[in-house]
Amino acid sequence: MMKNRSVTFAAPILLLLIVVAGVVALHGGFGITGMGTRMGAGMGPGMARMMMRGQAAIPSGAPAVLSHHGCMSCHALDHARTGPAFAWVAWHYAGKPQAQAHIAAFIEHGGRGPWGGVMPNLNVPAVEAMALSQWILALPPQAPPGALSARVP
């Protein structure tokens, strides 16, 4: 009688693949999301977990995009979370030419920010990004802790 060798060979390989997939998921993916594509489309499980944690309270008068795209999972109005406070962003860009367009492009496409972190591309439509950047710039600017009170442009 002949034994089915394919089953005995396939079982350890299948187990190995399951373990590797679990480790990769636990550590937020392979770290290559967004290569050549929009990062939001390839968002890893680590980013999805971060966005599912509790959001800061949505400020009154804020655009709906704040809750729709989970902005308050990483940002707050006047203190740091994973990302900078919106009032700090208003302070950083106060009086700078093209500030609204620059912030809107950053919201729309993501990237490395002036605070050293990386904001993912969450596929925020340009119209919503412009509305959010306008709201941010209308906030009372607040210097981040440790910042010089007089900025050099």
N, C-alpha and C. Protein backbone atom coordinates (compact mmCIF):
# COMPACT_ATOMS: atom_id res chain seq x y z
N MET A 1 0.83 -1.17 0.00
CA MET A 1 0.00 0.00 0.00
C MET A 1 0.88 1.24 0.00
N MET A 2 0.51 2.22 -0.86
CA MET A 2 1.31 3.43 -1.01
C MET A 2 0.73 4.58 -0.19
N LYS A 3 1.61 5.28 0.50
CA LYS A 3 1.19 6.42 1.30
C LYS A 3 1.07 7.66 0.43
N ASN A 4 0.15 8.55 0.75
CA ASN A 4 0.02 9.80 0.02
C ASN A 4 1.05 10.79 0.56
N ARG A 5 2.18 10.89 -0.16
CA ARG A 5 3.28 11.74 0.29
C ARG A 5 2.97 13.22 0.15
N SER A 6 2.11 13.59 -0.76
CA SER A 6 1.81 15.02 -0.96
C SER A 6 1.11 15.61 0.26
N VAL A 7 0.30 14.82 0.96
CA VAL A 7 -0.37 15.31 2.16
C VAL A 7 0.63 15.51 3.29
N THR A 8 1.54 14.56 3.51
CA THR A 8 2.52 14.69 4.58
C THR A 8 3.51 15.81 4.28
N PHE A 9 3.79 16.09 3.05
CA PHE A 9 4.70 17.17 2.68
C PHE A 9 3.99 18.53 2.75
N ALA A 10 2.73 18.58 2.36
CA ALA A 10 1.99 19.84 2.30
C ALA A 10 1.61 20.37 3.67
N ALA A 11 1.35 19.52 4.64
CA ALA A 11 0.90 19.96 5.96
C ALA A 11 1.92 20.88 6.64
N PRO A 12 3.22 20.54 6.71
CA PRO A 12 4.18 21.45 7.36
C PRO A 12 4.33 22.77 6.59
N ILE A 13 4.25 22.72 5.28
CA ILE A 13 4.37 23.96 4.49
C ILE A 13 3.16 24.86 4.74
N LEU A 14 1.99 24.27 4.79
CA LEU A 14 0.79 25.05 5.08
C LEU A 14 0.87 25.68 6.46
N LEU A 15 1.34 24.93 7.45
CA LEU A 15 1.50 25.45 8.80
C LEU A 15 2.50 26.61 8.81
N LEU A 16 3.59 26.49 8.10
CA LEU A 16 4.60 27.54 8.01
C LEU A 16 4.00 28.81 7.39
N LEU A 17 3.22 28.66 6.33
CA LEU A 17 2.59 29.82 5.69
C LEU A 17 1.61 30.52 6.63
N ILE A 18 0.87 29.76 7.41
CA ILE A 18 -0.07 30.34 8.37
C ILE A 18 0.69 31.13 9.44
N VAL A 19 1.77 30.57 9.95
CA VAL A 19 2.57 31.26 10.97
C VAL A 19 3.17 32.54 10.40
N VAL A 20 3.75 32.49 9.21
CA VAL A 20 4.34 33.68 8.59
C VAL A 20 3.27 34.75 8.37
N ALA A 21 2.11 34.37 7.88
CA ALA A 21 1.03 35.35 7.66
C ALA A 21 0.61 36.00 8.97
N GLY A 22 0.55 35.23 10.04
CA GLY A 22 0.19 35.79 11.34
C GLY A 22 1.22 36.76 11.86
N VAL A 23 2.51 36.44 11.70
CA VAL A 23 3.59 37.33 12.14
C VAL A 23 3.57 38.62 11.32
N VAL A 24 3.40 38.50 10.02
CA VAL A 24 3.35 39.69 9.16
C VAL A 24 2.18 40.57 9.55
N ALA A 25 1.01 39.99 9.78
CA ALA A 25 -0.16 40.77 10.18
C ALA A 25 0.05 41.43 11.54
N LEU A 26 0.68 40.72 12.47
CA LEU A 26 0.93 41.26 13.80
C LEU A 26 1.85 42.47 13.76
N HIS A 27 2.78 42.49 12.83
CA HIS A 27 3.75 43.58 12.74
C HIS A 27 3.37 44.62 11.70
N GLY A 28 2.15 44.63 11.25
CA GLY A 28 1.66 45.70 10.38
C GLY A 28 1.99 45.54 8.92
N GLY A 29 2.20 44.35 8.44
CA GLY A 29 2.45 44.13 7.02
C GLY A 29 3.93 44.10 6.70
N PHE A 30 4.26 44.09 5.43
CA PHE A 30 5.64 43.99 4.99
C PHE A 30 6.35 45.33 4.97
N GLY A 31 5.62 46.44 5.20
CA GLY A 31 6.25 47.75 5.19
C GLY A 31 6.47 48.30 3.80
N ILE A 32 5.82 47.73 2.80
CA ILE A 32 6.02 48.22 1.44
C ILE A 32 4.72 48.71 0.83
N THR A 33 3.73 48.99 1.66
CA THR A 33 2.47 49.47 1.11
C THR A 33 2.68 50.79 0.42
N GLY A 34 2.01 50.97 -0.67
CA GLY A 34 2.06 52.24 -1.37
C GLY A 34 3.17 52.36 -2.39
N MET A 35 4.02 51.34 -2.56
CA MET A 35 5.09 51.45 -3.54
C MET A 35 4.49 51.49 -4.93
N GLY A 36 4.58 52.65 -5.56
CA GLY A 36 4.06 52.80 -6.90
C GLY A 36 2.55 52.95 -6.96
N THR A 37 1.90 52.93 -5.82
CA THR A 37 0.45 53.08 -5.78
C THR A 37 0.10 54.08 -4.70
N ARG A 38 -1.16 54.34 -4.56
CA ARG A 38 -1.60 55.22 -3.47
C ARG A 38 -1.54 54.43 -2.17
N MET A 39 -0.92 55.01 -1.15
CA MET A 39 -0.72 54.29 0.10
C MET A 39 -2.02 53.87 0.75
N GLY A 40 -3.06 54.67 0.66
CA GLY A 40 -4.33 54.33 1.30
C GLY A 40 -4.89 53.04 0.76
N ALA A 41 -4.69 52.78 -0.52
CA ALA A 41 -5.22 51.58 -1.14
C ALA A 41 -4.53 50.33 -0.60
N GLY A 42 -3.28 50.46 -0.17
CA GLY A 42 -2.54 49.32 0.34
C GLY A 42 -2.28 49.42 1.83
N MET A 43 -3.17 50.08 2.56
CA MET A 43 -2.97 50.29 3.98
C MET A 43 -2.84 48.96 4.69
N GLY A 44 -1.79 48.80 5.46
CA GLY A 44 -1.55 47.57 6.18
C GLY A 44 -2.43 47.45 7.42
N PRO A 45 -2.44 46.27 8.02
CA PRO A 45 -3.27 46.07 9.20
C PRO A 45 -2.84 46.93 10.38
N GLY A 46 -1.56 47.29 10.47
CA GLY A 46 -1.10 48.15 11.56
C GLY A 46 -1.76 49.51 11.50
N MET A 47 -1.86 50.10 10.31
CA MET A 47 -2.50 51.41 10.15
C MET A 47 -4.00 51.28 10.41
N ALA A 48 -4.59 50.21 9.95
CA ALA A 48 -6.03 50.01 10.18
C ALA A 48 -6.31 49.91 11.68
N ARG A 49 -5.45 49.19 12.43
CA ARG A 49 -5.64 49.09 13.88
C ARG A 49 -5.51 50.45 14.54
N MET A 50 -4.52 51.25 14.09
CA MET A 50 -4.31 52.57 14.69
C MET A 50 -5.53 53.46 14.46
N MET A 51 -6.12 53.38 13.26
CA MET A 51 -7.27 54.22 12.96
C MET A 51 -8.53 53.76 13.68
N MET A 52 -8.56 52.52 14.13
CA MET A 52 -9.74 52.03 14.81
C MET A 52 -9.73 52.36 16.30
N ARG A 53 -8.58 52.80 16.82
CA ARG A 53 -8.56 53.16 18.24
C ARG A 53 -9.44 54.39 18.45
N GLY A 54 -9.69 54.73 19.67
CA GLY A 54 -10.58 55.84 19.97
C GLY A 54 -10.13 57.16 19.36
N GLN A 55 -11.07 57.87 18.80
CA GLN A 55 -10.78 59.18 18.24
C GLN A 55 -10.97 60.23 19.32
N ALA A 56 -10.20 61.32 19.21
CA ALA A 56 -10.42 62.47 20.08
C ALA A 56 -11.79 63.05 19.73
N ALA A 57 -12.33 63.84 20.64
CA ALA A 57 -13.63 64.45 20.39
C ALA A 57 -13.56 65.36 19.16
N ILE A 58 -14.57 65.28 18.32
CA ILE A 58 -14.64 66.12 17.12
C ILE A 58 -15.02 67.53 17.56
N PRO A 59 -14.19 68.54 17.24
CA PRO A 59 -14.52 69.91 17.62
C PRO A 59 -15.79 70.38 16.91
N SER A 60 -16.57 71.21 17.60
CA SER A 60 -17.78 71.74 16.98
C SER A 60 -17.39 72.66 15.83
N GLY A 61 -18.16 72.62 14.77
CA GLY A 61 -17.89 73.44 13.60
C GLY A 61 -16.85 72.85 12.67
N ALA A 62 -16.34 71.67 12.99
CA ALA A 62 -15.32 71.04 12.15
C ALA A 62 -15.99 70.38 10.95
N PRO A 63 -15.28 70.31 9.82
CA PRO A 63 -15.86 69.63 8.65
C PRO A 63 -16.06 68.13 8.91
N ALA A 64 -17.02 67.55 8.25
CA ALA A 64 -17.34 66.13 8.42
C ALA A 64 -16.18 65.23 8.04
N VAL A 65 -15.26 65.72 7.22
CA VAL A 65 -14.12 64.92 6.79
C VAL A 65 -13.29 64.43 7.99
N LEU A 66 -13.32 65.18 9.09
CA LEU A 66 -12.56 64.78 10.28
C LEU A 66 -12.97 63.41 10.78
N SER A 67 -14.27 63.16 10.86
CA SER A 67 -14.70 61.85 11.35
C SER A 67 -14.73 60.82 10.22
N HIS A 68 -15.05 61.26 9.02
CA HIS A 68 -15.16 60.33 7.88
C HIS A 68 -13.83 59.63 7.60
N HIS A 69 -12.73 60.36 7.68
CA HIS A 69 -11.42 59.77 7.37
C HIS A 69 -10.62 59.42 8.62
N GLY A 70 -11.22 59.56 9.79
CA GLY A 70 -10.54 59.15 11.03
C GLY A 70 -9.40 60.06 11.45
N CYS A 71 -9.45 61.32 11.06
CA CYS A 71 -8.36 62.27 11.37
C CYS A 71 -8.09 62.35 12.87
N MET A 72 -9.16 62.27 13.66
CA MET A 72 -9.02 62.44 15.10
C MET A 72 -8.43 61.21 15.78
N SER A 73 -8.16 60.16 15.02
CA SER A 73 -7.45 59.01 15.57
C SER A 73 -5.99 59.36 15.82
N CYS A 74 -5.46 60.27 15.01
CA CYS A 74 -4.04 60.64 15.13
C CYS A 74 -3.83 62.10 15.54
N HIS A 75 -4.85 62.94 15.39
CA HIS A 75 -4.71 64.36 15.69
C HIS A 75 -5.74 64.78 16.73
N ALA A 76 -5.44 65.87 17.43
CA ALA A 76 -6.38 66.50 18.34
C ALA A 76 -6.33 68.00 18.06
N LEU A 77 -7.20 68.73 18.68
CA LEU A 77 -7.27 70.17 18.43
C LEU A 77 -6.05 70.91 18.98
N ASP A 78 -5.68 70.62 20.23
CA ASP A 78 -4.64 71.44 20.86
C ASP A 78 -3.57 70.66 21.61
N HIS A 79 -3.46 69.37 21.37
CA HIS A 79 -2.38 68.59 21.97
C HIS A 79 -1.99 67.45 21.03
N ALA A 80 -0.79 66.94 21.23
CA ALA A 80 -0.26 65.90 20.34
C ALA A 80 -0.95 64.57 20.61
N ARG A 81 -1.11 63.83 19.55
CA ARG A 81 -1.48 62.41 19.63
C ARG A 81 -0.38 61.73 18.82
N THR A 82 -0.71 60.89 17.88
CA THR A 82 0.30 60.34 16.98
C THR A 82 0.82 61.45 16.07
N GLY A 83 -0.07 62.32 15.65
CA GLY A 83 0.29 63.46 14.80
C GLY A 83 0.17 64.76 15.58
N PRO A 84 0.57 65.85 14.96
CA PRO A 84 0.55 67.14 15.66
C PRO A 84 -0.88 67.66 15.86
N ALA A 85 -1.04 68.54 16.83
CA ALA A 85 -2.32 69.20 17.07
C ALA A 85 -2.64 70.09 15.87
N PHE A 86 -3.92 70.21 15.56
CA PHE A 86 -4.32 71.07 14.45
C PHE A 86 -3.94 72.53 14.72
N ALA A 87 -4.00 72.97 15.99
CA ALA A 87 -3.61 74.34 16.32
C ALA A 87 -2.12 74.56 16.07
N TRP A 88 -1.30 73.52 16.21
CA TRP A 88 0.12 73.63 15.91
C TRP A 88 0.34 73.79 14.41
N VAL A 89 -0.47 73.07 13.63
CA VAL A 89 -0.37 73.18 12.17
C VAL A 89 -0.74 74.60 11.76
N ALA A 90 -1.79 75.15 12.37
CA ALA A 90 -2.19 76.53 12.08
C ALA A 90 -1.06 77.49 12.42
N TRP A 91 -0.38 77.26 13.54
CA TRP A 91 0.75 78.10 13.95
C TRP A 91 1.90 77.98 12.96
N HIS A 92 2.21 76.75 12.57
CA HIS A 92 3.34 76.50 11.67
C HIS A 92 3.17 77.20 10.32
N TYR A 93 1.94 77.21 9.81
CA TYR A 93 1.69 77.76 8.48
C TYR A 93 1.13 79.19 8.48
N ALA A 94 0.94 79.77 9.65
CA ALA A 94 0.37 81.12 9.74
C ALA A 94 1.20 82.11 8.91
N GLY A 95 0.50 82.82 8.01
CA GLY A 95 1.15 83.87 7.22
C GLY A 95 2.01 83.38 6.07
N LYS A 96 2.12 82.09 5.88
CA LYS A 96 2.95 81.57 4.79
C LYS A 96 2.14 81.57 3.49
N PRO A 97 2.78 82.02 2.40
CA PRO A 97 2.07 81.99 1.13
C PRO A 97 1.76 80.54 0.71
N GLN A 98 0.63 80.37 0.09
CA GLN A 98 0.20 79.05 -0.40
C GLN A 98 0.01 78.02 0.72
N ALA A 99 -0.21 78.49 1.95
CA ALA A 99 -0.36 77.57 3.08
C ALA A 99 -1.54 76.63 2.88
N GLN A 100 -2.69 77.16 2.46
CA GLN A 100 -3.87 76.32 2.30
C GLN A 100 -3.64 75.24 1.25
N ALA A 101 -3.05 75.60 0.13
CA ALA A 101 -2.78 74.62 -0.93
C ALA A 101 -1.77 73.57 -0.46
N HIS A 102 -0.77 74.01 0.29
CA HIS A 102 0.25 73.07 0.77
C HIS A 102 -0.36 72.06 1.75
N ILE A 103 -1.14 72.56 2.71
CA ILE A 103 -1.78 71.67 3.69
C ILE A 103 -2.76 70.73 2.98
N ALA A 104 -3.54 71.26 2.05
CA ALA A 104 -4.51 70.43 1.33
C ALA A 104 -3.81 69.31 0.56
N ALA A 105 -2.70 69.63 -0.10
CA ALA A 105 -1.95 68.60 -0.84
C ALA A 105 -1.41 67.53 0.11
N PHE A 106 -0.96 67.97 1.28
CA PHE A 106 -0.44 67.02 2.27
C PHE A 106 -1.55 66.11 2.77
N ILE A 107 -2.72 66.68 3.04
CA ILE A 107 -3.87 65.88 3.48
C ILE A 107 -4.29 64.91 2.38
N GLU A 108 -4.30 65.39 1.16
CA GLU A 108 -4.76 64.56 0.04
C GLU A 108 -3.81 63.41 -0.27
N HIS A 109 -2.49 63.67 -0.21
CA HIS A 109 -1.51 62.67 -0.65
C HIS A 109 -0.70 62.03 0.47
N GLY A 110 -0.73 62.62 1.69
CA GLY A 110 0.09 62.10 2.77
C GLY A 110 1.56 62.43 2.55
N GLY A 111 2.41 61.89 3.38
CA GLY A 111 3.85 62.11 3.24
C GLY A 111 4.50 62.42 4.57
N ARG A 112 5.79 62.76 4.52
CA ARG A 112 6.56 63.09 5.72
C ARG A 112 6.30 64.54 6.08
N GLY A 113 5.90 64.78 7.32
CA GLY A 113 5.55 66.13 7.76
C GLY A 113 6.69 66.83 8.47
N PRO A 114 6.50 68.11 8.75
CA PRO A 114 7.55 68.88 9.42
C PRO A 114 7.80 68.44 10.86
N TRP A 115 6.92 67.61 11.42
CA TRP A 115 7.12 67.13 12.79
C TRP A 115 7.83 65.77 12.81
N GLY A 116 8.24 65.29 11.67
CA GLY A 116 9.02 64.06 11.60
C GLY A 116 8.22 62.80 11.36
N GLY A 117 6.92 62.83 11.55
CA GLY A 117 6.11 61.63 11.33
C GLY A 117 5.69 61.51 9.88
N VAL A 118 5.07 60.42 9.56
CA VAL A 118 4.58 60.19 8.21
C VAL A 118 3.07 60.03 8.27
N MET A 119 2.38 60.86 7.51
CA MET A 119 0.93 60.74 7.41
C MET A 119 0.61 59.86 6.21
N PRO A 120 -0.23 58.84 6.39
CA PRO A 120 -0.55 57.97 5.27
C PRO A 120 -1.45 58.67 4.26
N ASN A 121 -1.44 58.16 3.06
CA ASN A 121 -2.37 58.64 2.05
C ASN A 121 -3.69 57.93 2.28
N LEU A 122 -4.67 58.67 2.76
CA LEU A 122 -5.97 58.08 3.07
C LEU A 122 -6.98 58.30 1.96
N ASN A 123 -6.51 58.71 0.79
CA ASN A 123 -7.38 58.93 -0.37
C ASN A 123 -8.46 59.97 -0.08
N VAL A 124 -8.08 61.05 0.58
CA VAL A 124 -9.01 62.15 0.86
C VAL A 124 -9.20 62.92 -0.44
N PRO A 125 -10.42 63.10 -0.91
CA PRO A 125 -10.65 63.85 -2.14
C PRO A 125 -10.15 65.30 -1.99
N ALA A 126 -9.72 65.88 -3.10
CA ALA A 126 -9.15 67.23 -3.10
C ALA A 126 -10.09 68.26 -2.49
N VAL A 127 -11.38 68.17 -2.79
CA VAL A 127 -12.35 69.14 -2.26
C VAL A 127 -12.41 69.06 -0.73
N GLU A 128 -12.42 67.84 -0.19
CA GLU A 128 -12.46 67.67 1.26
C GLU A 128 -11.14 68.12 1.89
N ALA A 129 -10.02 67.85 1.23
CA ALA A 129 -8.72 68.28 1.74
C ALA A 129 -8.64 69.80 1.80
N MET A 130 -9.19 70.49 0.79
CA MET A 130 -9.20 71.96 0.80
C MET A 130 -10.07 72.48 1.93
N ALA A 131 -11.23 71.89 2.15
CA ALA A 131 -12.12 72.32 3.23
C ALA A 131 -11.45 72.13 4.59
N LEU A 132 -10.78 71.01 4.76
CA LEU A 132 -10.10 70.74 6.02
C LEU A 132 -8.93 71.70 6.23
N SER A 133 -8.17 71.98 5.19
CA SER A 133 -7.04 72.91 5.34
C SER A 133 -7.53 74.32 5.65
N GLN A 134 -8.65 74.71 5.07
CA GLN A 134 -9.23 76.02 5.37
C GLN A 134 -9.65 76.08 6.83
N TRP A 135 -10.27 75.03 7.34
CA TRP A 135 -10.68 74.97 8.74
C TRP A 135 -9.46 75.03 9.67
N ILE A 136 -8.40 74.29 9.34
CA ILE A 136 -7.19 74.28 10.17
C ILE A 136 -6.59 75.68 10.26
N LEU A 137 -6.49 76.36 9.12
CA LEU A 137 -5.88 77.69 9.11
C LEU A 137 -6.75 78.73 9.82
N ALA A 138 -8.04 78.46 9.98
CA ALA A 138 -8.93 79.39 10.68
C ALA A 138 -8.86 79.21 12.20
N LEU A 139 -8.21 78.14 12.66
CA LEU A 139 -8.09 77.90 14.10
C LEU A 139 -7.14 78.92 14.72
N PRO A 140 -7.32 79.22 16.02
CA PRO A 140 -6.35 80.07 16.69
C PRO A 140 -5.01 79.33 16.75
N PRO A 141 -3.95 79.91 16.16
CA PRO A 141 -2.66 79.22 16.15
C PRO A 141 -2.11 79.05 17.57
N GLN A 142 -1.48 77.92 17.79
CA GLN A 142 -0.87 77.62 19.09
C GLN A 142 0.50 77.03 18.84
N ALA A 143 1.53 77.61 19.44
CA ALA A 143 2.89 77.10 19.28
C ALA A 143 3.01 75.77 20.01
N PRO A 144 3.67 74.80 19.39
CA PRO A 144 3.88 73.52 20.08
C PRO A 144 4.81 73.70 21.28
N PRO A 145 4.74 72.83 22.25
CA PRO A 145 5.63 72.93 23.40
C PRO A 145 7.10 72.95 22.95
N GLY A 146 7.86 73.85 23.52
CA GLY A 146 9.28 73.94 23.19
C GLY A 146 9.59 74.72 21.93
N ALA A 147 8.57 75.21 21.24
CA ALA A 147 8.80 75.98 20.01
C ALA A 147 9.18 77.40 20.36
N LEU A 148 9.96 78.00 19.50
CA LEU A 148 10.28 79.42 19.67
C LEU A 148 9.00 80.22 19.43
N SER A 149 8.77 81.23 20.24
CA SER A 149 7.56 82.01 20.05
C SER A 149 7.63 82.86 18.79
N ALA A 150 8.83 83.26 18.41
CA ALA A 150 9.00 84.02 17.17
C ALA A 150 9.58 83.09 16.13
N ARG A 151 8.80 82.75 15.13
CA ARG A 151 9.27 81.85 14.07
C ARG A 151 10.02 82.61 13.00
N VAL A 152 10.98 81.98 12.43
CA VAL A 152 11.66 82.51 11.25
C VAL A 152 11.02 81.84 10.05
N PRO A 153 10.47 82.63 9.11
CA PRO A 153 9.77 82.02 7.97
C PRO A 153 10.66 81.14 7.12
